[in-house]
């Protein structure tokens, strides 16, 4: 099984409209990433194909294809990179700031 990344999708894309591009091959699943708040496409998706040869043909045939006025970016999925070393969600990780207290004489 091979997983394919498809980027630069039209934000109005739906799974059904997108699936038709990969139908000639053996598509196992399609995961169209959507915004939680609006339910709209986030502009990228992942496609799992059972046949590696079919996946390579799909990548070659579809990369740069115009869909909805946008040129698709189609390639094999890369391993996810660990961005945060400590698992925090960003922000300042140094020592806490000292609060200034006025001196009383």
N, C-alpha and C. Protein backbone atom coordinates (compact mmCIF):
# COMPACT_ATOMS: atom_id res chain seq x y z
N UNK A 1 0.85 -1.17 0.00
CA UNK A 1 0.00 0.00 0.00
C UNK A 1 0.89 1.23 0.00
N UNK A 2 0.49 2.22 -0.78
CA UNK A 2 1.26 3.45 -0.89
C UNK A 2 0.36 4.64 -0.60
N UNK A 3 0.88 5.59 0.18
CA UNK A 3 0.13 6.78 0.55
C UNK A 3 0.65 7.97 -0.25
N UNK A 4 -0.29 8.73 -0.85
CA UNK A 4 0.05 9.86 -1.71
C UNK A 4 -0.47 11.15 -1.08
N UNK A 5 0.35 12.19 -1.13
CA UNK A 5 -0.05 13.53 -0.68
C UNK A 5 -0.49 14.31 -1.90
N UNK A 6 -1.63 14.99 -1.80
CA UNK A 6 -2.13 15.85 -2.87
C UNK A 6 -2.36 17.24 -2.28
N UNK A 7 -1.62 18.22 -2.76
CA UNK A 7 -1.72 19.58 -2.24
C UNK A 7 -2.20 20.56 -3.29
N UNK A 8 -2.51 21.76 -2.85
CA UNK A 8 -2.98 22.87 -3.67
C UNK A 8 -4.37 22.59 -4.25
N UNK A 9 -5.20 21.91 -3.47
CA UNK A 9 -6.57 21.63 -3.88
C UNK A 9 -7.43 22.88 -3.76
N UNK A 10 -8.46 22.93 -4.57
CA UNK A 10 -9.46 23.97 -4.47
C UNK A 10 -10.16 23.83 -3.11
N UNK A 11 -10.43 24.93 -2.43
CA UNK A 11 -11.04 24.86 -1.11
C UNK A 11 -12.49 24.38 -1.15
N UNK A 12 -13.07 24.36 -2.33
CA UNK A 12 -14.42 23.84 -2.49
C UNK A 12 -14.45 22.36 -2.86
N UNK A 13 -13.29 21.72 -2.88
CA UNK A 13 -13.20 20.31 -3.28
C UNK A 13 -13.95 19.41 -2.29
N UNK A 14 -14.57 18.38 -2.83
CA UNK A 14 -15.23 17.38 -2.00
C UNK A 14 -14.58 16.03 -2.28
N UNK A 15 -14.81 15.09 -1.39
CA UNK A 15 -14.21 13.77 -1.56
C UNK A 15 -14.69 13.11 -2.85
N UNK A 16 -15.97 13.26 -3.17
CA UNK A 16 -16.52 12.65 -4.39
C UNK A 16 -15.90 13.24 -5.66
N UNK A 17 -15.76 14.56 -5.70
CA UNK A 17 -15.17 15.18 -6.89
C UNK A 17 -13.69 14.83 -7.01
N UNK A 18 -13.05 14.65 -5.90
CA UNK A 18 -11.63 14.34 -5.86
C UNK A 18 -11.36 12.88 -6.20
N UNK A 19 -12.22 11.99 -5.75
CA UNK A 19 -12.05 10.54 -5.97
C UNK A 19 -12.00 10.18 -7.46
N UNK A 20 -12.75 10.90 -8.28
CA UNK A 20 -12.81 10.59 -9.71
C UNK A 20 -11.43 10.67 -10.38
N UNK A 21 -10.52 11.49 -9.86
CA UNK A 21 -9.17 11.58 -10.43
C UNK A 21 -8.40 10.28 -10.29
N UNK A 22 -8.61 9.57 -9.17
CA UNK A 22 -7.84 8.37 -8.86
C UNK A 22 -8.59 7.08 -9.18
N UNK A 23 -9.82 7.16 -9.66
CA UNK A 23 -10.65 5.98 -9.91
C UNK A 23 -10.04 4.93 -10.83
N UNK A 24 -9.30 5.27 -11.87
CA UNK A 24 -8.75 4.20 -12.70
C UNK A 24 -7.86 3.23 -11.90
N UNK A 25 -7.28 3.70 -10.79
CA UNK A 25 -6.44 2.85 -9.95
C UNK A 25 -7.25 2.23 -8.82
N UNK A 26 -6.58 1.45 -7.99
CA UNK A 26 -7.26 0.80 -6.86
C UNK A 26 -7.10 1.65 -5.61
N UNK A 27 -8.06 2.55 -5.38
CA UNK A 27 -8.03 3.47 -4.25
C UNK A 27 -8.56 2.75 -3.01
N UNK A 28 -7.75 2.71 -1.95
CA UNK A 28 -8.17 2.12 -0.68
C UNK A 28 -8.95 3.14 0.15
N UNK A 29 -8.40 4.36 0.25
CA UNK A 29 -9.07 5.39 1.03
C UNK A 29 -8.62 6.78 0.59
N UNK A 30 -9.48 7.75 0.87
CA UNK A 30 -9.16 9.16 0.62
C UNK A 30 -9.47 9.93 1.90
N UNK A 31 -8.51 10.72 2.34
CA UNK A 31 -8.69 11.55 3.54
C UNK A 31 -8.52 13.01 3.12
N UNK A 32 -9.64 13.67 2.88
CA UNK A 32 -9.64 15.08 2.52
C UNK A 32 -9.64 15.88 3.82
N UNK A 33 -8.59 16.64 4.06
CA UNK A 33 -8.46 17.39 5.29
C UNK A 33 -9.40 18.59 5.26
N UNK A 34 -10.22 18.72 6.30
CA UNK A 34 -11.20 19.80 6.36
C UNK A 34 -11.01 20.64 7.61
N UNK A 35 -11.46 21.89 7.52
CA UNK A 35 -11.41 22.81 8.65
C UNK A 35 -12.49 22.42 9.65
N UNK A 36 -12.16 22.38 10.92
CA UNK A 36 -13.12 21.98 11.95
C UNK A 36 -14.30 22.93 12.05
N UNK A 37 -14.04 24.20 11.92
CA UNK A 37 -15.09 25.20 12.10
C UNK A 37 -16.04 25.31 10.93
N UNK A 38 -15.49 25.31 9.71
CA UNK A 38 -16.33 25.54 8.54
C UNK A 38 -16.69 24.27 7.78
N UNK A 39 -15.91 23.21 7.95
CA UNK A 39 -16.14 21.98 7.20
C UNK A 39 -15.61 22.03 5.79
N UNK A 40 -14.99 23.17 5.41
CA UNK A 40 -14.41 23.33 4.07
C UNK A 40 -13.08 22.61 3.97
N UNK A 41 -12.70 22.28 2.75
CA UNK A 41 -11.40 21.67 2.49
C UNK A 41 -10.28 22.61 2.94
N UNK A 42 -9.22 22.04 3.50
CA UNK A 42 -8.05 22.83 3.89
C UNK A 42 -7.04 22.95 2.75
N UNK A 43 -7.34 22.30 1.62
CA UNK A 43 -6.47 22.44 0.45
C UNK A 43 -5.52 21.28 0.24
N UNK A 44 -5.64 20.22 1.04
CA UNK A 44 -4.79 19.05 0.80
C UNK A 44 -5.50 17.78 1.23
N UNK A 45 -4.98 16.65 0.73
CA UNK A 45 -5.60 15.36 1.02
C UNK A 45 -4.54 14.26 0.94
N UNK A 46 -4.90 13.09 1.47
CA UNK A 46 -4.06 11.91 1.39
C UNK A 46 -4.86 10.80 0.73
N UNK A 47 -4.23 10.09 -0.19
CA UNK A 47 -4.87 9.00 -0.91
C UNK A 47 -4.04 7.75 -0.67
N UNK A 48 -4.69 6.66 -0.25
CA UNK A 48 -4.01 5.38 -0.09
C UNK A 48 -4.40 4.49 -1.26
N UNK A 49 -3.38 3.96 -1.93
CA UNK A 49 -3.61 3.07 -3.07
C UNK A 49 -2.98 1.72 -2.78
N UNK A 50 -3.68 0.65 -3.15
CA UNK A 50 -3.22 -0.71 -2.86
C UNK A 50 -2.01 -1.09 -3.70
N UNK A 51 -1.96 -0.64 -4.93
CA UNK A 51 -0.91 -1.03 -5.87
C UNK A 51 0.15 0.06 -5.97
N UNK A 52 1.41 -0.26 -5.67
CA UNK A 52 2.49 0.73 -5.74
C UNK A 52 2.71 1.22 -7.16
N UNK A 53 2.60 0.33 -8.13
CA UNK A 53 2.77 0.72 -9.54
C UNK A 53 1.69 1.70 -9.98
N UNK A 54 0.45 1.43 -9.57
CA UNK A 54 -0.65 2.32 -9.89
C UNK A 54 -0.49 3.67 -9.22
N UNK A 55 0.05 3.66 -8.00
CA UNK A 55 0.29 4.91 -7.27
C UNK A 55 1.34 5.75 -7.99
N UNK A 56 2.41 5.11 -8.46
CA UNK A 56 3.45 5.84 -9.18
C UNK A 56 2.90 6.43 -10.48
N UNK A 57 2.06 5.68 -11.18
CA UNK A 57 1.44 6.18 -12.41
C UNK A 57 0.54 7.38 -12.11
N UNK A 58 -0.21 7.30 -11.01
CA UNK A 58 -1.10 8.39 -10.62
C UNK A 58 -0.30 9.65 -10.28
N UNK A 59 0.80 9.48 -9.57
CA UNK A 59 1.65 10.63 -9.20
C UNK A 59 2.17 11.30 -10.46
N UNK A 60 2.70 10.49 -11.39
CA UNK A 60 3.25 11.03 -12.63
C UNK A 60 2.18 11.71 -13.47
N UNK A 61 1.02 11.08 -13.57
CA UNK A 61 -0.04 11.62 -14.43
C UNK A 61 -0.71 12.86 -13.84
N UNK A 62 -0.85 12.93 -12.51
CA UNK A 62 -1.64 14.00 -11.91
C UNK A 62 -0.84 15.20 -11.40
N UNK A 63 0.45 15.03 -11.18
CA UNK A 63 1.25 16.15 -10.66
C UNK A 63 1.26 17.29 -11.68
N UNK A 64 0.81 18.46 -11.27
CA UNK A 64 0.74 19.63 -12.14
C UNK A 64 -0.58 19.76 -12.88
N UNK A 65 -1.48 18.76 -12.74
CA UNK A 65 -2.78 18.80 -13.39
C UNK A 65 -3.61 19.94 -12.83
N UNK A 66 -4.35 20.62 -13.70
CA UNK A 66 -5.19 21.74 -13.29
C UNK A 66 -6.55 21.20 -12.85
N UNK A 67 -6.91 21.47 -11.60
CA UNK A 67 -8.21 21.08 -11.06
C UNK A 67 -8.81 22.28 -10.34
N UNK A 68 -9.92 22.76 -10.82
CA UNK A 68 -10.58 23.91 -10.20
C UNK A 68 -9.75 25.18 -10.29
N UNK A 69 -8.95 25.30 -11.36
CA UNK A 69 -8.13 26.51 -11.53
C UNK A 69 -6.83 26.48 -10.77
N UNK A 70 -6.47 25.34 -10.19
CA UNK A 70 -5.23 25.24 -9.41
C UNK A 70 -4.41 24.05 -9.88
N UNK A 71 -3.09 24.22 -9.95
CA UNK A 71 -2.20 23.14 -10.35
C UNK A 71 -1.92 22.25 -9.14
N UNK A 72 -2.29 20.98 -9.24
CA UNK A 72 -2.12 20.06 -8.11
C UNK A 72 -0.66 19.73 -7.86
N UNK A 73 -0.33 19.54 -6.60
CA UNK A 73 0.99 19.08 -6.18
C UNK A 73 0.79 17.65 -5.68
N UNK A 74 1.23 16.66 -6.45
CA UNK A 74 1.00 15.26 -6.13
C UNK A 74 2.34 14.56 -5.97
N UNK A 75 2.59 13.97 -4.80
CA UNK A 75 3.81 13.19 -4.59
C UNK A 75 3.61 12.17 -3.47
N UNK A 76 4.59 11.30 -3.33
CA UNK A 76 4.52 10.29 -2.28
C UNK A 76 4.60 10.98 -0.92
N UNK A 77 3.79 10.49 0.03
CA UNK A 77 3.80 11.08 1.35
C UNK A 77 5.17 10.93 2.00
N UNK A 78 5.62 11.98 2.63
CA UNK A 78 6.89 11.95 3.37
C UNK A 78 6.60 11.65 4.82
N UNK A 79 7.54 11.04 5.53
CA UNK A 79 7.31 10.77 6.96
C UNK A 79 7.09 12.07 7.73
N UNK A 80 6.21 12.01 8.72
CA UNK A 80 5.91 13.18 9.54
C UNK A 80 7.14 13.55 10.36
N UNK A 81 7.46 14.84 10.39
CA UNK A 81 8.63 15.34 11.11
C UNK A 81 8.18 15.85 12.47
N UNK A 82 8.91 15.45 13.52
CA UNK A 82 8.61 15.93 14.86
C UNK A 82 9.14 17.35 14.98
N UNK A 83 8.23 18.31 15.11
CA UNK A 83 8.63 19.72 15.13
C UNK A 83 8.99 20.22 16.51
N UNK A 84 8.23 19.85 17.52
CA UNK A 84 8.48 20.34 18.88
C UNK A 84 9.16 19.25 19.68
N UNK A 85 10.34 19.56 20.24
CA UNK A 85 11.09 18.57 20.99
C UNK A 85 10.43 18.16 22.29
N UNK A 86 9.74 19.09 22.97
CA UNK A 86 9.18 18.78 24.28
C UNK A 86 7.68 18.55 24.25
N UNK A 87 7.06 18.64 23.10
CA UNK A 87 5.63 18.41 23.00
C UNK A 87 4.78 19.61 23.39
N UNK A 88 5.40 20.72 23.74
CA UNK A 88 4.62 21.90 24.10
C UNK A 88 4.04 22.53 22.86
N UNK A 89 3.10 23.43 23.02
CA UNK A 89 2.45 24.07 21.89
C UNK A 89 3.08 25.42 21.58
N UNK A 90 4.34 25.59 21.87
CA UNK A 90 5.02 26.84 21.54
C UNK A 90 5.00 27.79 22.70
N UNK A 91 5.40 29.01 22.41
CA UNK A 91 5.43 30.02 23.47
C UNK A 91 6.80 30.09 24.13
N UNK A 92 6.92 30.91 25.14
CA UNK A 92 8.17 31.11 25.86
C UNK A 92 8.40 29.97 26.82
N UNK A 93 9.58 29.35 26.72
CA UNK A 93 9.84 28.21 27.59
C UNK A 93 10.96 28.48 28.60
N UNK A 94 11.36 29.73 28.74
CA UNK A 94 12.42 30.07 29.69
C UNK A 94 11.88 30.22 31.11
N UNK A 95 12.68 30.85 31.95
CA UNK A 95 12.29 31.05 33.34
C UNK A 95 11.09 32.00 33.42
N UNK A 96 10.23 31.82 34.41
CA UNK A 96 9.09 32.72 34.54
C UNK A 96 9.55 34.15 34.83
N UNK A 97 8.77 35.13 34.38
CA UNK A 97 9.12 36.53 34.59
C UNK A 97 8.91 36.90 36.05
N UNK A 98 9.80 37.73 36.53
CA UNK A 98 9.69 38.23 37.91
C UNK A 98 8.75 39.43 37.91
N UNK A 99 7.84 39.44 38.83
CA UNK A 99 6.93 40.57 38.95
C UNK A 99 7.57 41.63 39.82
N UNK A 100 7.51 42.85 39.35
CA UNK A 100 8.14 43.94 40.12
C UNK A 100 7.18 44.39 41.21
N UNK A 101 7.70 44.41 42.39
CA UNK A 101 6.92 44.87 43.55
C UNK A 101 7.52 46.17 44.02
N UNK A 102 6.70 47.22 44.20
CA UNK A 102 7.27 48.50 44.63
C UNK A 102 7.85 48.39 46.05
N UNK A 103 8.98 49.08 46.25
CA UNK A 103 9.61 49.10 47.56
C UNK A 103 8.84 50.03 48.49
N UNK A 104 8.62 49.60 49.70
CA UNK A 104 7.91 50.41 50.68
C UNK A 104 8.94 50.81 51.75
N UNK A 105 9.04 52.10 52.04
CA UNK A 105 9.99 52.57 53.07
C UNK A 105 9.30 52.80 54.37
